[in-house]
Structures are given as structure tokens and as C-alpha cells.
Amino acid sequence: MIAYDNVFLPIKDVQGARVFSVRFLSEPFAIATGTAVEFEDPDGNRLCFTEYTKTNVEGLI
């Protein structure tokens, strides 16, 4: 479950982020607009990569 206070960073390939030795907190998962994955930066801050692949999602601006 994504925490609502996360910073979301758009990325073209969520799976490709693994090449940067990012420590994922879970496996990538589907969201209404595409795919997301939470990770921690070297300072322990929780962030979220988001791959926006879906458009025209009802209820979203």
C-alpha cells in the first residue's frame, strides 16, 4: 500500500530502475494510471517511482 505522503517520481520503466541498485520495498504493482513501486533512497527517505502508462482514467484529472 502506498503511503499518501510519498513523493512520486515519474519514470519510463519501473522495472528498469533496478539497474541503479534501488532497494525496492515491494514488487512493482498496478495502480489506476500504470505501475508503481516504493523504494528508499540512501538516506532512508521513502519515495515512489511511477510509470504512467494508462490515460483517460475515469475520475482522475
Protein backbone atom coordinates (compact mmCIF):
# COMPACT_ATOMS: atom_id res chain seq x y z
CA MET A 1 0.00 0.00 0.00
CA ILE A 2 1.39 3.40 -0.97
CA ALA A 3 1.69 5.96 1.80
CA TYR A 4 -0.07 9.19 0.88
CA ASP A 5 2.89 11.36 1.87
CA ASN A 6 5.30 9.75 -0.61
CA VAL A 7 6.98 11.76 -3.32
CA PHE A 8 6.04 10.28 -6.69
CA LEU A 9 8.71 10.38 -9.38
CA PRO A 10 7.66 9.65 -12.97
CA ILE A 11 9.81 7.09 -14.75
CA LYS A 12 9.52 5.37 -18.14
CA ASP A 13 10.39 1.87 -16.90
CA VAL A 14 9.76 0.91 -13.28
CA GLN A 15 11.47 -2.47 -13.69
CA GLY A 16 14.47 -0.75 -15.28
CA ALA A 17 15.10 1.20 -12.06
CA ARG A 18 16.68 -1.95 -10.62
CA VAL A 19 19.87 -1.24 -12.58
CA PHE A 20 20.50 1.68 -10.20
CA SER A 21 20.68 -0.68 -7.20
CA VAL A 22 17.50 0.85 -5.82
CA ARG A 23 16.14 -1.07 -2.81
CA PHE A 24 12.50 -1.70 -3.63
CA LEU A 25 10.25 -2.06 -0.59
CA SER A 26 7.92 -4.34 -2.57
CA GLU A 27 7.49 -5.67 -6.05
CA PRO A 28 6.09 -3.19 -8.60
CA PHE A 29 2.29 -3.13 -8.51
CA ALA A 30 -0.56 -1.88 -10.69
CA ILE A 31 -2.22 1.45 -9.95
CA ALA A 32 -5.01 3.29 -11.80
CA THR A 33 -2.55 5.16 -14.02
CA GLY A 34 0.04 2.43 -14.65
CA THR A 35 2.66 0.84 -12.37
CA ALA A 36 4.32 1.98 -9.16
CA VAL A 37 6.97 0.81 -6.73
CA GLU A 38 8.07 2.21 -3.38
CA PHE A 39 11.76 2.44 -2.56
CA GLU A 40 14.15 4.01 -0.08
CA ASP A 41 16.94 6.38 -1.02
CA PRO A 42 20.37 6.10 0.69
CA ASP A 43 19.17 8.42 3.48
CA GLY A 44 16.15 6.23 4.24
CA ASN A 45 13.53 8.51 2.65
CA ARG A 46 10.59 6.63 1.12
CA LEU A 47 9.87 7.55 -2.47
CA CYS A 48 7.78 6.09 -5.25
CA PHE A 49 8.63 5.57 -8.91
CA THR A 50 5.51 5.77 -11.05
CA GLU A 51 5.25 4.59 -14.65
CA TYR A 52 2.29 6.39 -16.22
CA THR A 53 1.06 4.11 -19.00
CA LYS A 54 -2.72 4.46 -18.77
CA THR A 55 -4.59 7.54 -19.98
CA ASN A 56 -8.17 8.74 -19.72
CA VAL A 57 -8.72 7.05 -16.37
CA GLU A 58 -12.21 7.90 -15.15
CA GLY A 59 -12.23 10.08 -12.07
CA LEU A 60 -8.67 11.34 -12.46
CA ILE A 61 -7.65 14.74 -13.74
